[in-house]
Amino acid sequence: MSQTKADLDCLVVGGGPGGLTAAIYLARFRRQTRVIDAGASRAALIPKSHNFPGFPDGISGVEIISRLKAHAARYGAEVQNGMVERLHERDDGLFEAATADGKTVTARRVILATGVVDIVPDMENVPEHINAGRMRLCPVCDGFEVTDKPVAIYGPADRVLHKSLFLRGFTSNLTLLCTDDVACPSDLASKLGEAGILLPTEPVESLNWDGQAITAKLKSGEEKCFDVVYPAMGSKPRTSLYTQMGGKLTANECIPTDEHQRTSISGVWAIGDVVDALDQMAVALGHAAIATTYVHNSLNSGTKPEARFLAGSVWSSAAPA
């Protein structure tokens, strides 16, 4: 490996819980580390999390991020506001990242903690509705908070139907608002019937805020009001930096990684929501601990780890023929 001096031992792209935890670990490993964060962490949307370990009374996503930034800074990690627009490996083996303001930085290793963007309904003031708890994005995170309450689930039928089975564990008062005609497989229809979930008879055309509740307008013109709506519309992983380096994505458009969070690009790791895993802050924190330990060890060895690639569902350390 080239001995060219790099600005950083490791660049972390993304300042959500995963990226900031990675910075904490790397700084405590005494590695020169910088987080470049565009300020668009999904976690910042959380009005109050009640399943983040150690906070039984709940904690907001903004507070989680603030605490993690302070924790990382205490050990010397840099957190820089900015958008990384280009990332490539130079001929000397270092990675070079260019930000939107025209600045560049070099690093021996890179961790991508770029997260996902939730697909939300086309209506005004969605962040405000999320902050007020009228719109909820993650039943794994906060299904408990809607126990026995009336809830609507909005989105394409295939996503709505599956999410309804999960939410049925918290409330029986469910209304399915499908944006398309319902085509329900017979095996799924029987499961929904057993759970007491009624299939919608017509699609919904729009969601609106009437000043007191979220109103769904059905195709027939009928309107229904709800205190809580769960969009079931999926999310879009932020993978552009990985793909511009030649990386291939999974069927779910995520970055594939091995058990050490290594990607197919030698010297690049990926953690958190941008990989195929349960999109939870606790998972991202675990990914960060795993990835940074292997980043640190690879820097000690003086050589980049072997590139990994995904053949079917099996990881191999050999390059494909």
Protein backbone atom coordinates (compact mmCIF):
# COMPACT_ATOMS: atom_id res chain seq x y z
CA MET A 1 0.00 0.00 0.00
CA SER A 2 1.23 3.50 -0.77
CA GLN A 3 2.75 5.46 2.11
CA THR A 4 1.24 8.73 0.94
CA LYS A 5 0.14 10.78 3.93
CA ALA A 6 -3.65 11.01 4.33
CA ASP A 7 -5.56 13.75 6.12
CA LEU A 8 -7.52 11.14 8.05
CA ASP A 9 -7.31 7.55 9.16
CA CYS A 10 -11.04 7.22 8.53
CA LEU A 11 -13.73 9.37 7.01
CA VAL A 12 -17.29 8.71 8.20
CA VAL A 13 -19.99 9.96 5.82
CA GLY A 14 -23.22 10.59 7.72
CA GLY A 15 -23.81 11.97 11.21
CA GLY A 16 -26.74 9.92 12.44
CA PRO A 17 -26.52 7.57 15.46
CA GLY A 18 -24.47 5.01 13.52
CA GLY A 19 -21.97 7.46 12.06
CA LEU A 20 -21.47 9.31 15.35
CA THR A 21 -21.02 6.06 17.27
CA ALA A 22 -18.39 5.06 14.72
CA ALA A 23 -16.63 8.36 15.41
CA ILE A 24 -16.66 7.69 19.15
CA TYR A 25 -15.09 4.26 18.71
CA LEU A 26 -12.49 5.44 16.22
CA ALA A 27 -11.51 8.44 18.34
CA ARG A 28 -11.09 6.19 21.35
CA PHE A 29 -8.92 3.94 19.18
CA ARG A 30 -6.85 7.12 18.74
CA ARG A 31 -7.58 7.33 15.04
CA GLN A 32 -7.75 10.64 13.19
CA THR A 33 -11.44 10.71 12.34
CA ARG A 34 -13.87 13.12 10.74
CA VAL A 35 -17.62 12.86 10.27
CA ILE A 36 -19.06 14.82 7.37
CA ASP A 37 -22.78 15.24 7.89
CA ALA A 38 -25.38 16.83 5.62
CA GLY A 39 -27.77 17.32 8.55
CA ALA A 40 -30.48 15.04 7.18
CA SER A 41 -30.43 12.16 9.65
CA ARG A 42 -33.68 10.21 9.81
CA ALA A 43 -33.20 10.02 13.57
CA ALA A 44 -33.66 13.79 13.88
CA LEU A 45 -37.32 13.34 12.91
CA ILE A 46 -38.08 11.25 16.00
CA PRO A 47 -40.14 13.36 18.44
CA LYS A 48 -39.44 10.97 21.31
CA SER A 49 -38.03 7.45 21.24
CA HIS A 50 -39.09 5.07 23.98
CA ASN A 51 -37.00 2.13 22.83
CA PHE A 52 -33.56 3.71 22.78
CA PRO A 53 -31.76 1.78 25.54
CA GLY A 54 -31.11 3.60 28.79
CA PHE A 55 -33.85 6.23 28.46
CA PRO A 56 -37.01 4.71 29.95
CA ASP A 57 -38.78 8.09 29.94
CA GLY A 58 -37.96 8.61 26.27
CA ILE A 59 -35.54 10.85 24.41
CA SER A 60 -35.90 12.86 21.21
CA GLY A 61 -33.88 12.06 18.11
CA VAL A 62 -32.36 15.55 18.17
CA GLU A 63 -31.19 14.98 21.75
CA ILE A 64 -29.68 11.59 20.86
CA ILE A 65 -27.69 13.17 18.04
CA SER A 66 -26.62 16.09 20.24
CA ARG A 67 -25.35 13.76 22.96
CA LEU A 68 -23.49 11.55 20.48
CA LYS A 69 -21.83 14.60 18.88
CA ALA A 70 -20.65 15.80 22.28
CA HIS A 71 -19.41 12.31 23.12
CA ALA A 72 -17.43 12.06 19.87
CA ALA A 73 -15.98 15.57 20.28
CA ARG A 74 -14.81 14.78 23.82
CA TYR A 75 -12.36 12.24 22.39
CA GLY A 76 -11.20 14.38 19.49
CA ALA A 77 -13.36 13.32 16.56
CA GLU A 78 -14.26 16.11 14.14
CA VAL A 79 -17.86 16.61 13.04
CA GLN A 80 -18.15 18.79 9.96
CA ASN A 81 -21.34 20.05 8.35
CA GLY A 82 -21.36 19.41 4.63
CA MET A 83 -22.48 17.24 1.76
CA VAL A 84 -20.04 14.75 0.24
CA GLU A 85 -20.81 14.84 -3.47
CA ARG A 86 -17.94 12.75 -4.86
CA LEU A 87 -15.89 9.91 -3.46
CA HIS A 88 -13.20 7.94 -5.26
CA GLU A 89 -10.08 5.90 -4.67
CA ARG A 90 -6.92 7.55 -5.97
CA ASP A 91 -4.03 5.80 -7.68
CA ASP A 92 -2.02 6.05 -4.46
CA GLY A 93 -4.65 3.99 -2.60
CA LEU A 94 -6.18 6.82 -0.59
CA PHE A 95 -9.84 7.78 -0.74
CA GLU A 96 -10.64 11.36 -1.70
CA ALA A 97 -13.96 12.97 -0.85
CA ALA A 98 -15.15 16.25 -2.33
CA THR A 99 -17.84 18.30 -0.62
CA ALA A 100 -20.41 20.61 -2.14
CA ASP A 101 -18.37 23.67 -1.17
CA GLY A 102 -15.43 22.48 -3.27
CA LYS A 103 -13.22 21.22 -0.42
CA THR A 104 -11.51 17.83 -0.47
CA VAL A 105 -10.20 15.46 2.18
CA THR A 106 -8.25 12.21 1.94
CA ALA A 107 -8.63 9.15 4.14
CA ARG A 108 -7.16 5.69 4.40
CA ARG A 109 -10.54 4.15 5.18
CA VAL A 110 -14.20 5.14 4.70
CA ILE A 111 -17.37 4.26 6.56
CA LEU A 112 -20.64 5.02 4.79
CA ALA A 113 -23.40 5.78 7.29
CA THR A 114 -25.58 7.64 4.82
CA GLY A 115 -28.96 6.22 5.87
CA VAL A 116 -32.24 6.32 3.99
CA VAL A 117 -34.92 8.81 3.01
CA ASP A 118 -38.47 7.81 3.93
CA ILE A 119 -41.06 8.03 1.19
CA VAL A 120 -43.95 9.99 2.67
CA PRO A 121 -47.41 11.07 1.48
CA ASP A 122 -47.71 14.06 -0.81
CA MET A 123 -49.14 16.53 1.67
CA GLU A 124 -47.98 19.73 3.31
CA ASN A 125 -46.04 19.98 6.57
CA VAL A 126 -45.15 16.30 6.88
CA PRO A 127 -42.27 16.98 9.37
CA GLU A 128 -44.72 18.90 11.56
CA HIS A 129 -47.15 15.97 11.55
CA ILE A 130 -44.33 13.55 12.43
CA ASN A 131 -43.19 15.78 15.29
CA ALA A 132 -46.77 15.94 16.63
CA GLY A 133 -47.15 12.15 16.48
CA ARG A 134 -49.97 12.34 13.93
CA MET A 135 -47.81 10.60 11.36
CA ARG A 136 -45.56 7.73 12.42
CA LEU A 137 -42.96 6.08 10.25
CA CYS A 138 -41.79 3.07 12.26
CA PRO A 139 -44.13 0.63 14.03
CA VAL A 140 -41.11 -1.33 15.28
CA CYS A 141 -40.05 1.85 17.11
CA ASP A 142 -43.38 3.14 18.36
CA GLY A 143 -46.15 0.62 17.77
CA PHE A 144 -46.44 0.37 21.55
CA GLU A 145 -47.49 4.02 21.69
CA VAL A 146 -50.63 3.36 19.60
CA THR A 147 -51.83 0.44 21.70
CA ASP A 148 -55.64 0.14 21.41
CA LYS A 149 -55.87 3.42 19.44
CA PRO A 150 -57.48 3.94 16.01
CA VAL A 151 -54.78 3.86 13.35
CA ALA A 152 -54.75 4.22 9.56
CA ILE A 153 -52.10 2.69 7.30
CA TYR A 154 -51.49 4.48 4.00
CA GLY A 155 -49.67 3.36 0.86
CA PRO A 156 -49.54 0.73 -1.89
CA ALA A 157 -51.63 -2.33 -1.10
CA ASP A 158 -48.77 -4.81 -0.89
CA ARG A 159 -46.98 -2.73 1.75
CA VAL A 160 -50.14 -1.73 3.63
CA LEU A 161 -51.37 -5.31 3.98
CA HIS A 162 -48.13 -6.60 5.44
CA LYS A 163 -47.70 -3.65 7.80
CA SER A 164 -51.26 -4.14 9.05
CA LEU A 165 -50.41 -7.63 10.33
CA PHE A 166 -47.56 -6.18 12.39
CA LEU A 167 -49.65 -3.31 13.80
CA ARG A 168 -52.49 -5.69 14.63
CA GLY A 169 -50.36 -6.79 17.57
CA PHE A 170 -50.95 -3.37 19.12
CA THR A 171 -54.46 -2.39 18.09
CA SER A 172 -57.52 -3.94 16.50
CA ASN A 173 -58.79 -0.55 15.30
CA LEU A 174 -57.07 -0.47 11.90
CA THR A 175 -58.14 1.18 8.66
CA LEU A 176 -56.27 0.34 5.48
CA LEU A 177 -55.87 3.24 3.06
CA CYS A 178 -54.52 1.78 -0.17
CA THR A 179 -53.38 4.06 -2.97
CA ASP A 180 -54.15 1.34 -5.53
CA ASP A 181 -56.72 -1.39 -5.96
CA VAL A 182 -56.26 -4.23 -3.51
CA ALA A 183 -55.01 -7.45 -5.05
CA CYS A 184 -54.52 -9.66 -2.02
CA PRO A 185 -53.04 -13.17 -2.37
CA SER A 186 -55.34 -15.83 -0.90
CA ASP A 187 -52.87 -16.93 1.77
CA LEU A 188 -52.43 -13.34 2.97
CA ALA A 189 -56.18 -12.71 2.83
CA SER A 190 -56.75 -15.63 5.17
CA LYS A 191 -54.18 -14.28 7.62
CA LEU A 192 -55.82 -10.86 7.54
CA GLY A 193 -59.22 -12.45 8.08
CA GLU A 194 -57.95 -14.43 11.06
CA ALA A 195 -56.55 -11.20 12.51
CA GLY A 196 -59.89 -9.42 12.03
CA ILE A 197 -58.45 -6.93 9.53
CA LEU A 198 -60.94 -5.75 6.91
CA LEU A 199 -59.75 -5.22 3.34
CA PRO A 200 -60.53 -1.79 1.86
CA THR A 201 -63.24 -1.64 -0.76
CA GLU A 202 -61.92 1.43 -2.61
CA PRO A 203 -58.60 3.25 -2.96
CA VAL A 204 -57.73 6.53 -1.29
CA GLU A 205 -56.96 9.55 -3.46
CA SER A 206 -55.29 11.95 -1.03
CA LEU A 207 -54.40 12.83 2.54
CA ASN A 208 -54.94 16.31 3.95
CA TRP A 209 -54.77 18.11 7.27
CA ASP A 210 -58.03 19.79 8.25
CA GLY A 211 -56.59 21.56 11.27
CA GLN A 212 -57.67 18.88 13.73
CA ALA A 213 -57.01 15.51 12.11
CA ILE A 214 -55.52 13.92 9.00
CA THR A 215 -58.31 13.43 6.48
CA ALA A 216 -58.29 10.71 3.84
CA LYS A 217 -60.35 11.34 0.73
CA LEU A 218 -61.51 8.09 -0.89
CA LYS A 219 -62.14 7.60 -4.60
CA SER A 220 -65.90 7.83 -4.01
CA GLY A 221 -65.47 11.23 -2.40
CA GLU A 222 -66.07 9.94 1.12
CA GLU A 223 -63.75 11.39 3.75
CA LYS A 224 -62.42 9.74 6.90
CA CYS A 225 -60.45 11.38 9.70
CA PHE A 226 -57.63 9.86 11.72
CA ASP A 227 -55.53 10.88 14.70
CA VAL A 228 -52.62 8.64 13.65
CA VAL A 229 -51.49 7.56 10.17
CA TYR A 230 -48.64 5.18 9.36
CA PRO A 231 -47.31 5.61 5.82
CA ALA A 232 -46.32 2.26 4.32
CA MET A 233 -44.41 3.57 1.32
CA GLY A 234 -40.88 2.32 1.86
CA SER A 235 -37.66 4.29 1.80
CA LYS A 236 -34.81 5.15 -0.53
CA PRO A 237 -31.28 4.26 0.64
CA ARG A 238 -28.65 6.95 0.05
CA THR A 239 -26.20 4.89 -1.99
CA SER A 240 -24.93 7.30 -4.66
CA LEU A 241 -21.38 7.53 -3.26
CA TYR A 242 -21.07 3.76 -3.24
CA THR A 243 -22.43 3.27 -6.74
CA GLN A 244 -20.27 6.04 -8.21
CA MET A 245 -17.29 3.98 -7.02
CA GLY A 246 -18.61 0.98 -8.91
CA GLY A 247 -20.36 -0.79 -6.05
CA LYS A 248 -23.38 -2.99 -6.79
CA LEU A 249 -26.54 -2.93 -4.68
CA THR A 250 -28.77 -5.63 -3.22
CA ALA A 251 -32.26 -6.40 -4.53
CA ASN A 252 -33.54 -3.91 -1.93
CA GLU A 253 -31.21 -1.21 -3.32
CA CYS A 254 -29.06 -1.30 -0.19
CA ILE A 255 -25.28 -1.63 0.15
CA PRO A 256 -24.30 -5.30 0.64
CA THR A 257 -21.89 -6.01 3.48
CA ASP A 258 -20.33 -9.05 5.12
CA GLU A 259 -20.38 -9.96 8.81
CA HIS A 260 -17.75 -7.26 9.50
CA GLN A 261 -19.71 -4.56 7.60
CA ARG A 262 -17.17 -4.65 4.77
CA THR A 263 -18.45 -3.76 1.31
CA SER A 264 -17.27 -5.06 -2.06
CA ILE A 265 -14.86 -2.09 -2.24
CA SER A 266 -11.68 -2.72 -0.29
CA GLY A 267 -11.28 -0.14 2.46
CA VAL A 268 -14.95 0.86 2.52
CA TRP A 269 -17.44 -0.21 5.20
CA ALA A 270 -21.18 0.53 5.43
CA ILE A 271 -23.39 0.67 8.51
CA GLY A 272 -26.92 1.52 9.62
CA ASP A 273 -30.06 1.91 7.52
CA VAL A 274 -28.16 2.03 4.21
CA VAL A 275 -27.43 -1.71 4.48
CA ASP A 276 -29.89 -4.60 4.43
CA ALA A 277 -30.86 -4.86 8.10
CA LEU A 278 -33.53 -3.83 10.58
CA ASP A 279 -33.67 -0.03 10.40
CA GLN A 280 -33.18 0.70 14.09
CA MET A 281 -30.80 2.99 15.94
CA ALA A 282 -29.67 0.12 18.17
CA VAL A 283 -28.73 -1.88 15.07
CA ALA A 284 -26.75 1.05 13.65
CA LEU A 285 -24.84 1.37 16.91
CA GLY A 286 -23.94 -2.31 16.77
CA HIS A 287 -22.85 -2.00 13.15
CA ALA A 288 -20.60 0.91 14.16
CA ALA A 289 -18.87 -1.10 16.89
CA ILE A 290 -18.24 -4.00 14.50
CA ALA A 291 -17.06 -1.89 11.57
CA THR A 292 -14.73 0.38 13.53
CA THR A 293 -12.98 -2.50 15.25
CA TYR A 294 -12.14 -3.98 11.86
CA VAL A 295 -11.19 -0.59 10.45
CA HIS A 296 -8.79 -0.12 13.34
CA ASN A 297 -7.28 -3.58 12.95
CA SER A 298 -6.84 -3.12 9.19
CA LEU A 299 -5.00 0.14 9.80
CA ASN A 300 -2.71 -1.64 12.25
CA SER A 301 -1.89 -4.25 9.61
CA GLY A 302 -0.79 -1.58 7.15
CA THR A 303 -2.69 -3.13 4.25
CA LYS A 304 -6.24 -2.84 3.03
CA PRO A 305 -8.56 -5.75 3.79
CA GLU A 306 -9.45 -8.09 0.97
CA ALA A 307 -12.28 -6.88 -1.20
CA ARG A 308 -15.52 -8.76 -0.71
CA PHE A 309 -18.22 -9.53 -3.18
CA LEU A 310 -21.66 -11.06 -2.93
CA ALA A 311 -22.24 -14.16 -5.05
CA GLY A 312 -25.89 -15.11 -4.63
CA SER A 313 -26.31 -15.04 -0.86
CA VAL A 314 -22.77 -16.17 0.01
CA TRP A 315 -19.86 -13.86 0.71
CA SER A 316 -16.45 -14.78 -0.68
CA SER A 317 -13.03 -13.18 -0.26
CA ALA A 318 -11.93 -14.25 -3.73
CA ALA A 319 -12.43 -11.97 -6.69
CA PRO A 320 -14.87 -13.24 -9.28
CA ALA A 321 -13.27 -14.73 -12.39
